Amino acid sequence: MQDAREKETATLQKLRKMEELAQKKITIFSRILMDVALAQDLETLAARHDERKNTLSALLGETSEDKQGEEE
């Protein structure tokens, strides 16, 4: 049972990291675009990735302090 829980936790952590990376890349890309409408669409997409990342973090039981420690 513990092994399955560890696998699920590892999978959720990988997914959270992928959502974080997607959000960061899309945000950067949206800032260098000349097409304002496309840039706004990408900002919306980045926000959705951020929401999914936050949901995964909540499922993992991470707090905002846990996330700050990772970023440093």
N, C-alpha and C. Protein backbone atom coordinates (compact mmCIF):
# COMPACT_ATOMS: atom_id res chain seq x y z
N MET A 1 0.83 -1.20 0.00
CA MET A 1 0.00 0.00 0.00
C MET A 1 0.87 1.26 0.00
N GLN A 2 1.94 1.23 0.81
CA GLN A 2 2.82 2.39 0.89
C GLN A 2 3.50 2.63 -0.46
N ASP A 3 3.88 1.56 -1.14
CA ASP A 3 4.56 1.68 -2.43
C ASP A 3 3.66 2.39 -3.45
N ALA A 4 2.38 2.05 -3.47
CA ALA A 4 1.44 2.69 -4.38
C ALA A 4 1.30 4.18 -4.04
N ARG A 5 1.26 4.48 -2.76
CA ARG A 5 1.14 5.88 -2.33
C ARG A 5 2.38 6.67 -2.75
N GLU A 6 3.55 6.08 -2.61
CA GLU A 6 4.78 6.74 -3.02
C GLU A 6 4.80 7.01 -4.52
N LYS A 7 4.31 6.04 -5.29
CA LYS A 7 4.26 6.21 -6.75
C LYS A 7 3.28 7.33 -7.13
N GLU A 8 2.14 7.34 -6.46
CA GLU A 8 1.16 8.40 -6.73
C GLU A 8 1.72 9.77 -6.37
N THR A 9 2.40 9.85 -5.24
CA THR A 9 2.99 11.11 -4.80
C THR A 9 4.05 11.57 -5.80
N ALA A 10 4.90 10.64 -6.24
CA ALA A 10 5.95 10.98 -7.21
C ALA A 10 5.33 11.46 -8.52
N THR A 11 4.25 10.80 -8.95
CA THR A 11 3.59 11.20 -10.18
C THR A 11 2.98 12.59 -10.05
N LEU A 12 2.32 12.86 -8.93
CA LEU A 12 1.74 14.19 -8.70
C LEU A 12 2.83 15.26 -8.66
N GLN A 13 3.97 14.94 -8.05
CA GLN A 13 5.07 15.90 -8.00
C GLN A 13 5.61 16.20 -9.39
N LYS A 14 5.73 15.17 -10.22
CA LYS A 14 6.20 15.37 -11.60
C LYS A 14 5.21 16.23 -12.38
N LEU A 15 3.93 15.94 -12.22
CA LEU A 15 2.91 16.72 -12.91
C LEU A 15 2.94 18.18 -12.46
N ARG A 16 3.10 18.40 -11.15
CA ARG A 16 3.17 19.77 -10.64
C ARG A 16 4.36 20.51 -11.23
N LYS A 17 5.49 19.84 -11.30
CA LYS A 17 6.69 20.46 -11.85
C LYS A 17 6.49 20.78 -13.34
N MET A 18 5.82 19.90 -14.08
CA MET A 18 5.56 20.14 -15.49
C MET A 18 4.62 21.33 -15.68
N GLU A 19 3.60 21.43 -14.83
CA GLU A 19 2.68 22.57 -14.90
C GLU A 19 3.41 23.88 -14.59
N GLU A 20 4.31 23.83 -13.61
CA GLU A 20 5.08 25.01 -13.25
C GLU A 20 5.98 25.44 -14.41
N LEU A 21 6.64 24.48 -15.03
CA LEU A 21 7.52 24.79 -16.16
C LEU A 21 6.72 25.34 -17.34
N ALA A 22 5.57 24.74 -17.63
CA ALA A 22 4.74 25.23 -18.74
C ALA A 22 4.28 26.65 -18.48
N GLN A 23 3.87 26.92 -17.25
CA GLN A 23 3.41 28.27 -16.90
C GLN A 23 4.53 29.28 -17.08
N LYS A 24 5.73 28.95 -16.63
CA LYS A 24 6.85 29.87 -16.75
C LYS A 24 7.22 30.13 -18.21
N LYS A 25 7.29 29.06 -19.01
CA LYS A 25 7.67 29.22 -20.41
C LYS A 25 6.63 30.04 -21.19
N ILE A 26 5.36 29.75 -20.95
CA ILE A 26 4.30 30.47 -21.66
C ILE A 26 4.29 31.94 -21.26
N THR A 27 4.51 32.23 -19.98
CA THR A 27 4.56 33.61 -19.51
C THR A 27 5.69 34.37 -20.19
N ILE A 28 6.86 33.77 -20.24
CA ILE A 28 8.01 34.41 -20.90
C ILE A 28 7.71 34.66 -22.36
N PHE A 29 7.19 33.64 -23.05
CA PHE A 29 6.89 33.77 -24.47
C PHE A 29 5.85 34.86 -24.72
N SER A 30 4.86 34.95 -23.85
CA SER A 30 3.80 35.95 -24.06
C SER A 30 4.35 37.38 -23.96
N ARG A 31 5.41 37.54 -23.21
CA ARG A 31 5.99 38.88 -23.01
C ARG A 31 6.84 39.35 -24.20
N ILE A 32 7.25 38.42 -25.05
CA ILE A 32 8.08 38.83 -26.18
C ILE A 32 7.30 38.92 -27.49
N LEU A 33 6.02 38.60 -27.44
CA LEU A 33 5.19 38.65 -28.64
C LEU A 33 4.79 40.08 -29.00
N MET A 34 4.70 40.33 -30.27
CA MET A 34 4.22 41.63 -30.75
C MET A 34 2.70 41.64 -30.91
N ASP A 35 2.11 40.47 -31.13
CA ASP A 35 0.66 40.34 -31.29
C ASP A 35 0.01 40.37 -29.91
N VAL A 36 -0.67 41.47 -29.60
CA VAL A 36 -1.25 41.68 -28.27
C VAL A 36 -2.32 40.64 -27.96
N ALA A 37 -3.16 40.32 -28.93
CA ALA A 37 -4.24 39.36 -28.70
C ALA A 37 -3.67 37.97 -28.37
N LEU A 38 -2.66 37.56 -29.11
CA LEU A 38 -2.03 36.27 -28.85
C LEU A 38 -1.34 36.27 -27.49
N ALA A 39 -0.70 37.37 -27.14
CA ALA A 39 -0.04 37.49 -25.84
C ALA A 39 -1.06 37.35 -24.71
N GLN A 40 -2.23 37.96 -24.87
CA GLN A 40 -3.28 37.86 -23.85
C GLN A 40 -3.79 36.43 -23.73
N ASP A 41 -3.95 35.77 -24.88
CA ASP A 41 -4.38 34.37 -24.86
C ASP A 41 -3.36 33.50 -24.14
N LEU A 42 -2.09 33.76 -24.36
CA LEU A 42 -1.05 32.98 -23.70
C LEU A 42 -1.02 33.27 -22.19
N GLU A 43 -1.28 34.50 -21.81
CA GLU A 43 -1.35 34.82 -20.38
C GLU A 43 -2.50 34.04 -19.71
N THR A 44 -3.62 33.93 -20.43
CA THR A 44 -4.75 33.16 -19.91
C THR A 44 -4.36 31.69 -19.77
N LEU A 45 -3.67 31.17 -20.77
CA LEU A 45 -3.20 29.78 -20.72
C LEU A 45 -2.23 29.58 -19.57
N ALA A 46 -1.34 30.52 -19.35
CA ALA A 46 -0.38 30.44 -18.25
C ALA A 46 -1.11 30.42 -16.90
N ALA A 47 -2.16 31.21 -16.80
CA ALA A 47 -2.95 31.25 -15.55
C ALA A 47 -3.61 29.89 -15.29
N ARG A 48 -4.06 29.23 -16.35
CA ARG A 48 -4.67 27.91 -16.19
C ARG A 48 -3.63 26.90 -15.71
N HIS A 49 -2.43 26.97 -16.26
CA HIS A 49 -1.36 26.08 -15.79
C HIS A 49 -1.05 26.35 -14.32
N ASP A 50 -1.06 27.61 -13.93
CA ASP A 50 -0.80 27.98 -12.54
C ASP A 50 -1.89 27.42 -11.63
N GLU A 51 -3.13 27.47 -12.06
CA GLU A 51 -4.23 26.92 -11.27
C GLU A 51 -4.06 25.42 -11.09
N ARG A 52 -3.70 24.72 -12.17
CA ARG A 52 -3.49 23.27 -12.07
C ARG A 52 -2.31 22.96 -11.15
N LYS A 53 -1.25 23.75 -11.25
CA LYS A 53 -0.09 23.57 -10.37
C LYS A 53 -0.51 23.73 -8.91
N ASN A 54 -1.31 24.75 -8.63
CA ASN A 54 -1.78 24.98 -7.26
C ASN A 54 -2.67 23.85 -6.76
N THR A 55 -3.50 23.32 -7.64
CA THR A 55 -4.35 22.18 -7.28
C THR A 55 -3.51 20.96 -6.95
N LEU A 56 -2.50 20.69 -7.77
CA LEU A 56 -1.62 19.56 -7.50
C LEU A 56 -0.86 19.76 -6.20
N SER A 57 -0.42 20.98 -5.94
CA SER A 57 0.27 21.27 -4.69
C SER A 57 -0.65 21.02 -3.49
N ALA A 58 -1.90 21.40 -3.63
CA ALA A 58 -2.86 21.17 -2.56
C ALA A 58 -3.07 19.67 -2.33
N LEU A 59 -3.14 18.91 -3.42
CA LEU A 59 -3.30 17.46 -3.29
C LEU A 59 -2.09 16.83 -2.59
N LEU A 60 -0.94 17.41 -2.82
CA LEU A 60 0.28 16.91 -2.19
C LEU A 60 0.44 17.41 -0.75
N GLY A 61 -0.44 18.31 -0.34
CA GLY A 61 -0.39 18.84 1.02
C GLY A 61 0.69 19.88 1.21
N GLU A 62 1.12 20.50 0.12
CA GLU A 62 2.17 21.52 0.21
C GLU A 62 1.55 22.86 0.58
N THR A 63 2.29 23.61 1.39
CA THR A 63 1.86 24.96 1.75
C THR A 63 2.65 25.95 0.93
N SER A 64 2.29 27.21 1.01
CA SER A 64 3.02 28.25 0.28
C SER A 64 4.45 28.34 0.77
N GLU A 65 4.71 28.03 2.05
CA GLU A 65 6.07 28.05 2.57
C GLU A 65 6.90 26.93 1.94
N ASP A 66 6.28 25.78 1.69
CA ASP A 66 6.98 24.67 1.04
C ASP A 66 7.42 25.08 -0.36
N LYS A 67 6.53 25.75 -1.07
CA LYS A 67 6.82 26.18 -2.44
C LYS A 67 7.93 27.23 -2.47
N GLN A 68 7.94 28.14 -1.50
CA GLN A 68 8.97 29.17 -1.46
C GLN A 68 10.34 28.55 -1.23
N GLY A 69 10.42 27.54 -0.41
CA GLY A 69 11.68 26.87 -0.14
C GLY A 69 12.23 26.18 -1.37
N GLU A 70 11.35 25.66 -2.22
CA GLU A 70 11.76 25.00 -3.46
C GLU A 70 12.33 25.97 -4.45
N GLU A 71 11.78 27.18 -4.52
CA GLU A 71 12.17 28.15 -5.53
C GLU A 71 13.52 28.78 -5.22
N GLU A 72 13.95 28.74 -3.97
CA GLU A 72 15.21 29.38 -3.59
C GLU A 72 16.39 28.53 -3.89
